[in-house]
Amino acid sequence: MIRIVSALALAGTVAAFSAAMSWAQTPAEVAKAREDIMEHLWSNYYRDISQVARGNSTDLAGAATKASGAIDALKKFATLFPPGSGREAVPTTRAKPEIWTQRAEFDKATQTLIAETAALGDAAKGGNVEAVKAQWPKVAEACGACHGGPKKSGGKFRFEE
């Protein structure tokens, strides 16, 4: 019995160490992860929500699910700006140095986008299409707090493409 417990403990320690090692990412991997999230926010989540907001769809349940997915992605995104993952380490990143020098403002902008998306999701869950339509511009404004629109536009926290 002691051998089994010892073996399980050793296996657990090895598994935990392996997991910790797999979480360690290079600055380039971190930058790629945050770029992937941003690149897919529209196609994976906001595009479908926009169809409801524009009156082209009545899929409120789908919009609520998409809002929840966007929130999860944004929460992960918010963790992907550790010191040393800017242009000093990843010259190709579009993340501006202001993310790190104005961190409180960046974090506030990210949290605002999460909150506005949550409000839209709540409206969709409640079955209120008019509230979804009214909330959509607030989500768009929150997006614009960091960047001014399409990739080529750049913005406060994003270099122009």
C-alpha atoms as a PDB file:
ATOM      1  CA  MET A   1       0.000   0.000   0.000  1.00  0.00           C
ATOM      2  CA  ILE A   2       2.807   2.414   0.865  1.00  0.00           C
ATOM      3  CA  ARG A   3       4.436   1.696  -2.495  1.00  0.00           C
ATOM      4  CA  ILE A   4       1.184   2.527  -4.318  1.00  0.00           C
ATOM      5  CA  VAL A   5       0.743   5.798  -2.410  1.00  0.00           C
ATOM      6  CA  SER A   6       4.405   6.686  -2.992  1.00  0.00           C
ATOM      7  CA  ALA A   7       4.091   5.888  -6.685  1.00  0.00           C
ATOM      8  CA  LEU A   8       0.946   7.995  -6.970  1.00  0.00           C
ATOM      9  CA  ALA A   9       2.597  10.877  -5.146  1.00  0.00           C
ATOM     10  CA  LEU A  10       5.621  10.682  -7.421  1.00  0.00           C
ATOM     11  CA  ALA A  11       3.393  10.507 -10.500  1.00  0.00           C
ATOM     12  CA  GLY A  12       1.437  13.537  -9.278  1.00  0.00           C
ATOM     13  CA  THR A  13       4.628  15.504  -8.688  1.00  0.00           C
ATOM     14  CA  VAL A  14       5.947  14.641 -12.141  1.00  0.00           C
ATOM     15  CA  ALA A  15       2.617  15.558 -13.733  1.00  0.00           C
ATOM     16  CA  ALA A  16       2.501  18.882 -11.885  1.00  0.00           C
ATOM     17  CA  PHE A  17       6.086  19.676 -12.880  1.00  0.00           C
ATOM     18  CA  SER A  18       5.367  18.763 -16.507  1.00  0.00           C
ATOM     19  CA  ALA A  19       2.268  20.953 -16.525  1.00  0.00           C
ATOM     20  CA  ALA A  20       4.215  23.868 -15.061  1.00  0.00           C
ATOM     21  CA  MET A  21       6.879  23.438 -17.713  1.00  0.00           C
ATOM     22  CA  SER A  22       4.281  23.404 -20.483  1.00  0.00           C
ATOM     23  CA  TRP A  23       2.822  26.678 -19.164  1.00  0.00           C
ATOM     24  CA  ALA A  24       6.161  28.444 -19.493  1.00  0.00           C
ATOM     25  CA  GLN A  25       6.064  30.304 -22.769  1.00  0.00           C
ATOM     26  CA  THR A  26       8.611  32.355 -24.596  1.00  0.00           C
ATOM     27  CA  PRO A  27       7.773  36.026 -25.238  1.00  0.00           C
ATOM     28  CA  ALA A  28       7.104  35.143 -28.890  1.00  0.00           C
ATOM     29  CA  GLU A  29       4.640  32.424 -27.870  1.00  0.00           C
ATOM     30  CA  VAL A  30       2.855  34.818 -25.513  1.00  0.00           C
ATOM     31  CA  ALA A  31       2.632  37.461 -28.250  1.00  0.00           C
ATOM     32  CA  LYS A  32       1.311  34.876 -30.701  1.00  0.00           C
ATOM     33  CA  ALA A  33      -1.310  33.691 -28.204  1.00  0.00           C
ATOM     34  CA  ARG A  34      -2.649  37.213 -27.650  1.00  0.00           C
ATOM     35  CA  GLU A  35      -2.610  37.953 -31.383  1.00  0.00           C
ATOM     36  CA  ASP A  36      -4.538  34.749 -32.079  1.00  0.00           C
ATOM     37  CA  ILE A  37      -7.192  35.706 -29.550  1.00  0.00           C
ATOM     38  CA  MET A  38      -7.608  39.186 -31.015  1.00  0.00           C
ATOM     39  CA  GLU A  39      -7.605  37.875 -34.561  1.00  0.00           C
ATOM     40  CA  HIS A  40     -10.429  35.456 -33.806  1.00  0.00           C
ATOM     41  CA  LEU A  41     -12.651  37.600 -31.575  1.00  0.00           C
ATOM     42  CA  TRP A  42     -14.606  38.902 -34.534  1.00  0.00           C
ATOM     43  CA  SER A  43     -14.927  35.676 -36.495  1.00  0.00           C
ATOM     44  CA  ASN A  44     -15.554  33.418 -33.504  1.00  0.00           C
ATOM     45  CA  TYR A  45     -17.799  35.664 -31.416  1.00  0.00           C
ATOM     46  CA  TYR A  46     -18.617  39.230 -32.351  1.00  0.00           C
ATOM     47  CA  ARG A  47     -19.640  38.637 -35.976  1.00  0.00           C
ATOM     48  CA  ASP A  48     -22.567  36.453 -34.921  1.00  0.00           C
ATOM     49  CA  ILE A  49     -23.526  38.850 -32.144  1.00  0.00           C
ATOM     50  CA  SER A  50     -23.471  41.715 -34.640  1.00  0.00           C
ATOM     51  CA  GLN A  51     -26.025  39.904 -36.793  1.00  0.00           C
ATOM     52  CA  VAL A  52     -28.499  40.011 -33.897  1.00  0.00           C
ATOM     53  CA  ALA A  53     -27.589  43.620 -33.098  1.00  0.00           C
ATOM     54  CA  ARG A  54     -28.201  44.607 -36.720  1.00  0.00           C
ATOM     55  CA  GLY A  55     -31.504  42.784 -36.916  1.00  0.00           C
ATOM     56  CA  ASN A  56     -30.247  40.166 -39.382  1.00  0.00           C
ATOM     57  CA  SER A  57     -30.733  37.322 -36.899  1.00  0.00           C
ATOM     58  CA  THR A  58     -32.997  36.533 -33.968  1.00  0.00           C
ATOM     59  CA  ASP A  59     -30.660  33.964 -32.399  1.00  0.00           C
ATOM     60  CA  LEU A  60     -30.500  35.488 -28.926  1.00  0.00           C
ATOM     61  CA  ALA A  61     -29.409  32.215 -27.341  1.00  0.00           C
ATOM     62  CA  GLY A  62     -26.536  32.026 -29.809  1.00  0.00           C
ATOM     63  CA  ALA A  63     -25.604  35.641 -29.087  1.00  0.00           C
ATOM     64  CA  ALA A  64     -25.545  34.920 -25.352  1.00  0.00           C
ATOM     65  CA  THR A  65     -23.294  31.905 -25.927  1.00  0.00           C
ATOM     66  CA  LYS A  66     -20.993  33.918 -28.194  1.00  0.00           C
ATOM     67  CA  ALA A  67     -20.791  36.714 -25.614  1.00  0.00           C
ATOM     68  CA  SER A  68     -19.775  34.187 -22.968  1.00  0.00           C
ATOM     69  CA  GLY A  69     -17.092  32.795 -25.278  1.00  0.00           C
ATOM     70  CA  ALA A  70     -15.785  36.285 -26.021  1.00  0.00           C
ATOM     71  CA  ILE A  71     -15.576  37.037 -22.303  1.00  0.00           C
ATOM     72  CA  ASP A  72     -13.573  33.866 -21.671  1.00  0.00           C
ATOM     73  CA  ALA A  73     -11.201  34.745 -24.527  1.00  0.00           C
ATOM     74  CA  LEU A  74     -10.811  38.325 -23.279  1.00  0.00           C
ATOM     75  CA  LYS A  75     -10.039  37.168 -19.749  1.00  0.00           C
ATOM     76  CA  LYS A  76      -7.260  34.970 -21.126  1.00  0.00           C
ATOM     77  CA  PHE A  77      -6.091  37.813 -23.367  1.00  0.00           C
ATOM     78  CA  ALA A  78      -5.759  40.118 -20.347  1.00  0.00           C
ATOM     79  CA  THR A  79      -3.188  37.753 -18.832  1.00  0.00           C
ATOM     80  CA  LEU A  80      -0.967  37.691 -21.916  1.00  0.00           C
ATOM     81  CA  PHE A  81       0.998  40.902 -21.377  1.00  0.00           C
ATOM     82  CA  PRO A  82       3.755  39.983 -18.946  1.00  0.00           C
ATOM     83  CA  PRO A  83       6.759  42.316 -18.726  1.00  0.00           C
ATOM     84  CA  GLY A  84       9.275  41.457 -21.410  1.00  0.00           C
ATOM     85  CA  SER A  85       6.742  40.431 -24.064  1.00  0.00           C
ATOM     86  CA  GLY A  86       6.704  43.703 -25.980  1.00  0.00           C
ATOM     87  CA  ARG A  87       8.758  44.832 -28.960  1.00  0.00           C
ATOM     88  CA  GLU A  88      11.976  44.606 -26.963  1.00  0.00           C
ATOM     89  CA  ALA A  89      11.577  40.806 -27.114  1.00  0.00           C
ATOM     90  CA  VAL A  90       9.179  40.335 -30.046  1.00  0.00           C
ATOM     91  CA  PRO A  91       9.918  42.966 -32.717  1.00  0.00           C
ATOM     92  CA  THR A  92       6.909  41.919 -34.799  1.00  0.00           C
ATOM     93  CA  THR A  93       4.294  42.426 -32.093  1.00  0.00           C
ATOM     94  CA  ARG A  94       1.743  45.160 -32.688  1.00  0.00           C
ATOM     95  CA  ALA A  95       1.374  45.773 -28.953  1.00  0.00           C
ATOM     96  CA  LYS A  96       2.552  49.291 -28.142  1.00  0.00           C
ATOM     97  CA  PRO A  97       4.828  50.071 -25.181  1.00  0.00           C
ATOM     98  CA  GLU A  98       1.921  52.052 -23.696  1.00  0.00           C
ATOM     99  CA  ILE A  99       0.379  48.738 -22.633  1.00  0.00           C
ATOM    100  CA  TRP A 100       3.150  48.403 -20.080  1.00  0.00           C
ATOM    101  CA  THR A 101       3.760  52.086 -19.312  1.00  0.00           C
ATOM    102  CA  GLN A 102       0.033  52.822 -18.931  1.00  0.00           C
ATOM    103  CA  ARG A 103      -0.904  49.444 -17.523  1.00  0.00           C
ATOM    104  CA  ALA A 104      -3.759  50.637 -15.303  1.00  0.00           C
ATOM    105  CA  GLU A 105      -5.445  52.322 -18.275  1.00  0.00           C
ATOM    106  CA  PHE A 106      -4.938  49.255 -20.460  1.00  0.00           C
ATOM    107  CA  ASP A 107      -6.318  46.939 -17.779  1.00  0.00           C
ATOM    108  CA  LYS A 108      -9.299  49.246 -17.282  1.00  0.00           C
ATOM    109  CA  ALA A 109      -9.997  49.268 -21.034  1.00  0.00           C
ATOM    110  CA  THR A 110      -9.844  45.467 -21.147  1.00  0.00           C
ATOM    111  CA  GLN A 111     -12.176  45.160 -18.155  1.00  0.00           C
ATOM    112  CA  THR A 112     -14.585  47.648 -19.751  1.00  0.00           C
ATOM    113  CA  LEU A 113     -14.756  45.529 -22.904  1.00  0.00           C
ATOM    114  CA  ILE A 114     -15.429  42.451 -20.780  1.00  0.00           C
ATOM    115  CA  ALA A 115     -18.154  44.280 -18.817  1.00  0.00           C
ATOM    116  CA  GLU A 116     -19.861  45.677 -21.933  1.00  0.00           C
ATOM    117  CA  THR A 117     -19.784  42.250 -23.569  1.00  0.00           C
ATOM    118  CA  ALA A 118     -21.244  40.738 -20.392  1.00  0.00           C
ATOM    119  CA  ALA A 119     -24.056  43.313 -20.438  1.00  0.00           C
ATOM    120  CA  LEU A 120     -24.796  42.407 -24.041  1.00  0.00           C
ATOM    121  CA  GLY A 121     -24.790  38.708 -23.149  1.00  0.00           C
ATOM    122  CA  ASP A 122     -27.172  39.368 -20.259  1.00  0.00           C
ATOM    123  CA  ALA A 123     -29.530  41.221 -22.591  1.00  0.00           C
ATOM    124  CA  ALA A 124     -29.416  38.303 -25.008  1.00  0.00           C
ATOM    125  CA  LYS A 125     -30.018  35.776 -22.206  1.00  0.00           C
ATOM    126  CA  GLY A 126     -33.006  37.853 -21.146  1.00  0.00           C
ATOM    127  CA  GLY A 127     -34.432  37.646 -24.650  1.00  0.00           C
ATOM    128  CA  ASN A 128     -34.344  41.405 -25.142  1.00  0.00           C
ATOM    129  CA  VAL A 129     -33.289  42.073 -28.716  1.00  0.00           C
ATOM    130  CA  GLU A 130     -33.735  45.839 -28.313  1.00  0.00           C
ATOM    131  CA  ALA A 131     -31.336  45.826 -25.358  1.00  0.00           C
ATOM    132  CA  VAL A 132     -28.839  43.836 -27.447  1.00  0.00           C
ATOM    133  CA  LYS A 133     -29.128  46.429 -30.213  1.00  0.00           C
ATOM    134  CA  ALA A 134     -28.641  49.245 -27.687  1.00  0.00           C
ATOM    135  CA  GLN A 135     -25.637  47.531 -26.087  1.00  0.00           C
ATOM    136  CA  TRP A 136     -23.798  46.747 -29.333  1.00  0.00           C
ATOM    137  CA  PRO A 137     -22.439  50.318 -29.833  1.00  0.00           C
ATOM    138  CA  LYS A 138     -21.105  50.246 -26.262  1.00  0.00           C
ATOM    139  CA  VAL A 139     -19.174  47.062 -27.052  1.00  0.00           C
ATOM    140  CA  ALA A 140     -17.820  48.670 -30.227  1.00  0.00           C
ATOM    141  CA  GLU A 141     -16.800  51.789 -28.275  1.00  0.00           C
ATOM    142  CA  ALA A 142     -15.005  49.617 -25.726  1.00  0.00           C
ATOM    143  CA  CYS A 143     -13.107  47.910 -28.561  1.00  0.00           C
ATOM    144  CA  GLY A 144     -12.121  51.297 -29.910  1.00  0.00           C
ATOM    145  CA  ALA A 145     -10.608  52.315 -26.576  1.00  0.00           C
ATOM    146  CA  CYS A 146      -7.535  50.250 -27.473  1.00  0.00           C
ATOM    147  CA  HIS A 147      -7.578  50.454 -31.230  1.00  0.00           C
ATOM    148  CA  GLY A 148      -9.475  52.452 -33.745  1.00  0.00           C
ATOM    149  CA  GLY A 149     -11.033  49.719 -35.834  1.00  0.00           C
ATOM    150  CA  PRO A 150      -9.558  47.581 -38.577  1.00  0.00           C
ATOM    151  CA  LYS A 151      -6.026  46.191 -38.300  1.00  0.00           C
ATOM    152  CA  LYS A 152      -4.584  48.987 -40.402  1.00  0.00           C
ATOM    153  CA  SER A 153      -5.899  51.654 -38.032  1.00  0.00           C
ATOM    154  CA  GLY A 154      -3.502  51.196 -35.137  1.00  0.00           C
ATOM    155  CA  GLY A 155      -4.647  52.916 -31.993  1.00  0.00           C
ATOM    156  CA  LYS A 156      -3.714  53.801 -28.452  1.00  0.00           C
ATOM    157  CA  PHE A 157      -2.400  50.353 -27.556  1.00  0.00           C
ATOM    158  CA  ARG A 158      -1.829  48.866 -31.008  1.00  0.00           C
ATOM    159  CA  PHE A 159       0.653  49.740 -33.745  1.00  0.00           C
ATOM    160  CA  GLU A 160      -0.726  50.297 -37.211  1.00  0.00           C
ATOM    161  CA  GLU A 161      -0.404  47.270 -39.472  1.00  0.00           C
END
